[in-house]
Amino acid sequence: MKVTILDYGAGNVPSVERALQRLGAESHRTDAPESILRAEALLLPGVGHYARWYVPWTKKSSAPLLLDAIHRGIPFLGICLGLQILYKSSEEASQLQGLNLLPGIVSALPPNVKAPAHGLESA
């Protein structure tokens, strides 16, 4: 099965490609919404603010194509921001609408929850 990686300029796309390659999976990176129509499996990696995906992909009218593919049963994996866009919206950009496939609004972790560090820390 060939995995179509939806590329909206997130920094982790090459890492995802390498991971798939190490697993022996064939992949294709694209920023063309029409590629969603021919996809066997879809992967949406993500890094950054909620609007980072929303602005370029909604301008290209890709959201309806992605929703249609998911409803047709095309396997979909969202990583980080790619998962967040499945919800109605995010506190990060409450004026922007997600795909509304999952109920709820994405919220930040409470300040008392330990989160992974950004970048490398010295030992």
C-alpha atoms as a PDB file:
ATOM      1  CA  MET A   1       0.000   0.000   0.000  1.00  0.00           C
ATOM      2  CA  LYS A   2       1.386   3.406  -0.979  1.00  0.00           C
ATOM      3  CA  VAL A   3       1.117   6.120   1.681  1.00  0.00           C
ATOM      4  CA  THR A   4       0.348   9.634   0.481  1.00  0.00           C
ATOM      5  CA  ILE A   5       1.988  12.169   2.802  1.00  0.00           C
ATOM      6  CA  LEU A   6       0.103  15.464   2.781  1.00  0.00           C
ATOM      7  CA  ASP A   7       2.739  18.188   2.873  1.00  0.00           C
ATOM      8  CA  TYR A   8       1.745  21.686   3.925  1.00  0.00           C
ATOM      9  CA  GLY A   9       5.283  22.745   4.764  1.00  0.00           C
ATOM     10  CA  ALA A  10       5.625  21.208   8.229  1.00  0.00           C
ATOM     11  CA  GLY A  11       9.203  20.570   9.251  1.00  0.00           C
ATOM     12  CA  ASN A  12       8.779  16.891  10.122  1.00  0.00           C
ATOM     13  CA  VAL A  13       7.794  15.566   6.675  1.00  0.00           C
ATOM     14  CA  PRO A  14      11.316  14.323   5.774  1.00  0.00           C
ATOM     15  CA  SER A  15      11.500  12.503   9.128  1.00  0.00           C
ATOM     16  CA  VAL A  16       8.160  10.818   8.434  1.00  0.00           C
ATOM     17  CA  GLU A  17       9.352   9.824   4.961  1.00  0.00           C
ATOM     18  CA  ARG A  18      12.518   8.278   6.395  1.00  0.00           C
ATOM     19  CA  ALA A  19      10.535   6.386   9.032  1.00  0.00           C
ATOM     20  CA  LEU A  20       8.217   4.936   6.376  1.00  0.00           C
ATOM     21  CA  GLN A  21      11.210   4.029   4.214  1.00  0.00           C
ATOM     22  CA  ARG A  22      12.877   2.201   7.129  1.00  0.00           C
ATOM     23  CA  LEU A  23       9.646   0.247   7.586  1.00  0.00           C
ATOM     24  CA  GLY A  24       9.677  -0.695   3.909  1.00  0.00           C
ATOM     25  CA  ALA A  25       6.588   1.346   3.069  1.00  0.00           C
ATOM     26  CA  GLU A  26       6.278   3.160  -0.241  1.00  0.00           C
ATOM     27  CA  SER A  27       5.317   6.812   0.124  1.00  0.00           C
ATOM     28  CA  HIS A  28       4.592   9.861  -1.967  1.00  0.00           C
ATOM     29  CA  ARG A  29       4.841  13.442  -0.671  1.00  0.00           C
ATOM     30  CA  THR A  30       2.402  15.950  -2.133  1.00  0.00           C
ATOM     31  CA  ASP A  31       0.972  19.386  -1.594  1.00  0.00           C
ATOM     32  CA  ALA A  32      -1.613  18.879  -4.354  1.00  0.00           C
ATOM     33  CA  PRO A  33      -5.123  18.337  -2.946  1.00  0.00           C
ATOM     34  CA  GLU A  34      -6.155  16.267  -5.992  1.00  0.00           C
ATOM     35  CA  SER A  35      -3.661  13.592  -4.869  1.00  0.00           C
ATOM     36  CA  ILE A  36      -6.089  12.830  -2.046  1.00  0.00           C
ATOM     37  CA  LEU A  37      -8.528  11.452  -4.635  1.00  0.00           C
ATOM     38  CA  ARG A  38      -6.073   8.730  -5.712  1.00  0.00           C
ATOM     39  CA  ALA A  39      -4.604   7.918  -2.301  1.00  0.00           C
ATOM     40  CA  GLU A  40      -4.519   4.374  -0.934  1.00  0.00           C
ATOM     41  CA  ALA A  41      -3.605   5.649   2.551  1.00  0.00           C
ATOM     42  CA  LEU A  42      -3.166   9.183   3.890  1.00  0.00           C
ATOM     43  CA  LEU A  43      -0.729  10.535   6.433  1.00  0.00           C
ATOM     44  CA  LEU A  44      -0.864  14.106   7.698  1.00  0.00           C
ATOM     45  CA  PRO A  45       2.150  14.988   9.846  1.00  0.00           C
ATOM     46  CA  GLY A  46       2.191  18.309  11.598  1.00  0.00           C
ATOM     47  CA  VAL A  47       4.211  20.791  13.537  1.00  0.00           C
ATOM     48  CA  GLY A  48       3.232  24.242  14.676  1.00  0.00           C
ATOM     49  CA  HIS A  49       0.196  26.395  15.238  1.00  0.00           C
ATOM     50  CA  TYR A  50      -3.292  25.223  14.228  1.00  0.00           C
ATOM     51  CA  ALA A  51      -3.430  27.862  11.487  1.00  0.00           C
ATOM     52  CA  ARG A  52      -0.269  26.397   9.903  1.00  0.00           C
ATOM     53  CA  TRP A  53      -2.361  23.631   8.308  1.00  0.00           C
ATOM     54  CA  TYR A  54      -5.647  25.479   8.068  1.00  0.00           C
ATOM     55  CA  VAL A  55      -4.639  28.438   5.941  1.00  0.00           C
ATOM     56  CA  PRO A  56      -2.817  26.716   3.038  1.00  0.00           C
ATOM     57  CA  TRP A  57      -5.057  23.654   2.836  1.00  0.00           C
ATOM     58  CA  THR A  58      -8.389  25.438   3.069  1.00  0.00           C
ATOM     59  CA  LYS A  59      -7.267  27.925   0.426  1.00  0.00           C
ATOM     60  CA  LYS A  60      -6.641  24.910  -1.814  1.00  0.00           C
ATOM     61  CA  SER A  61     -10.076  23.465  -0.903  1.00  0.00           C
ATOM     62  CA  SER A  62      -8.479  20.257   0.355  1.00  0.00           C
ATOM     63  CA  ALA A  63     -10.612  19.878   3.495  1.00  0.00           C
ATOM     64  CA  PRO A  64     -13.678  18.506   1.617  1.00  0.00           C
ATOM     65  CA  LEU A  65     -11.433  16.091  -0.306  1.00  0.00           C
ATOM     66  CA  LEU A  66      -9.823  14.859   2.897  1.00  0.00           C
ATOM     67  CA  LEU A  67     -13.202  14.446   4.594  1.00  0.00           C
ATOM     68  CA  ASP A  68     -14.518  12.510   1.613  1.00  0.00           C
ATOM     69  CA  ALA A  69     -11.488  10.189   1.601  1.00  0.00           C
ATOM     70  CA  ILE A  70     -11.864   9.466   5.321  1.00  0.00           C
ATOM     71  CA  HIS A  71     -15.605   8.821   4.926  1.00  0.00           C
ATOM     72  CA  ARG A  72     -14.835   6.418   2.047  1.00  0.00           C
ATOM     73  CA  GLY A  73     -12.648   4.427   4.428  1.00  0.00           C
ATOM     74  CA  ILE A  74      -9.223   5.455   3.133  1.00  0.00           C
ATOM     75  CA  PRO A  75      -6.815   4.771   6.020  1.00  0.00           C
ATOM     76  CA  PHE A  76      -5.729   8.036   7.662  1.00  0.00           C
ATOM     77  CA  LEU A  77      -3.041   8.785  10.232  1.00  0.00           C
ATOM     78  CA  GLY A  78      -2.681  12.244  11.720  1.00  0.00           C
ATOM     79  CA  ILE A  79       0.468  13.053  13.666  1.00  0.00           C
ATOM     80  CA  CYS A  80       0.388  15.930  16.165  1.00  0.00           C
ATOM     81  CA  LEU A  81      -1.293  18.806  14.308  1.00  0.00           C
ATOM     82  CA  GLY A  82      -2.499  16.260  11.750  1.00  0.00           C
ATOM     83  CA  LEU A  83      -4.571  14.666  14.514  1.00  0.00           C
ATOM     84  CA  GLN A  84      -5.736  17.970  15.981  1.00  0.00           C
ATOM     85  CA  ILE A  85      -7.407  19.055  12.732  1.00  0.00           C
ATOM     86  CA  LEU A  86      -9.830  16.111  13.073  1.00  0.00           C
ATOM     87  CA  TYR A  87     -11.570  17.964  15.917  1.00  0.00           C
ATOM     88  CA  LYS A  88     -14.083  20.803  15.664  1.00  0.00           C
ATOM     89  CA  SER A  89     -11.482  23.459  16.497  1.00  0.00           C
ATOM     90  CA  SER A  90      -8.570  24.361  18.737  1.00  0.00           C
ATOM     91  CA  GLU A  91      -8.180  26.863  21.555  1.00  0.00           C
ATOM     92  CA  GLU A  92      -5.027  27.924  19.736  1.00  0.00           C
ATOM     93  CA  ALA A  93      -7.122  29.448  16.925  1.00  0.00           C
ATOM     94  CA  SER A  94     -10.749  29.218  18.011  1.00  0.00           C
ATOM     95  CA  GLN A  95     -11.954  31.216  14.997  1.00  0.00           C
ATOM     96  CA  LEU A  96     -10.740  28.436  12.629  1.00  0.00           C
ATOM     97  CA  GLN A  97     -12.788  25.290  12.077  1.00  0.00           C
ATOM     98  CA  GLY A  98     -11.268  21.821  11.979  1.00  0.00           C
ATOM     99  CA  LEU A  99     -12.728  18.867  10.094  1.00  0.00           C
ATOM    100  CA  ASN A 100     -15.193  18.176  12.940  1.00  0.00           C
ATOM    101  CA  LEU A 101     -14.813  14.392  12.667  1.00  0.00           C
ATOM    102  CA  LEU A 102     -14.141  14.069  16.396  1.00  0.00           C
ATOM    103  CA  PRO A 103     -16.178  15.856  19.064  1.00  0.00           C
ATOM    104  CA  GLY A 104     -14.574  18.514  21.160  1.00  0.00           C
ATOM    105  CA  ILE A 105     -12.051  21.292  20.993  1.00  0.00           C
ATOM    106  CA  VAL A 106      -8.303  20.759  21.282  1.00  0.00           C
ATOM    107  CA  SER A 107      -6.956  22.459  24.417  1.00  0.00           C
ATOM    108  CA  ALA A 108      -3.499  23.040  25.783  1.00  0.00           C
ATOM    109  CA  LEU A 109      -2.237  20.826  28.574  1.00  0.00           C
ATOM    110  CA  PRO A 110      -2.691  22.360  32.024  1.00  0.00           C
ATOM    111  CA  PRO A 111       0.449  24.090  33.333  1.00  0.00           C
ATOM    112  CA  ASN A 112       0.935  21.445  36.040  1.00  0.00           C
ATOM    113  CA  VAL A 113       1.369  18.653  33.435  1.00  0.00           C
ATOM    114  CA  LYS A 114       4.959  17.926  32.505  1.00  0.00           C
ATOM    115  CA  ALA A 115       5.369  18.339  28.741  1.00  0.00           C
ATOM    116  CA  PRO A 116       8.260  17.200  26.547  1.00  0.00           C
ATOM    117  CA  ALA A 117      11.083  19.696  26.239  1.00  0.00           C
ATOM    118  CA  HIS A 118      11.460  21.606  22.990  1.00  0.00           C
ATOM    119  CA  GLY A 119      14.904  20.868  21.587  1.00  0.00           C
ATOM    120  CA  LEU A 120      17.818  19.033  23.104  1.00  0.00           C
ATOM    121  CA  GLU A 121      18.782  19.430  26.718  1.00  0.00           C
ATOM    122  CA  SER A 122      22.287  18.901  27.993  1.00  0.00           C
ATOM    123  CA  ALA A 123      22.906  15.789  30.044  1.00  0.00           C
END
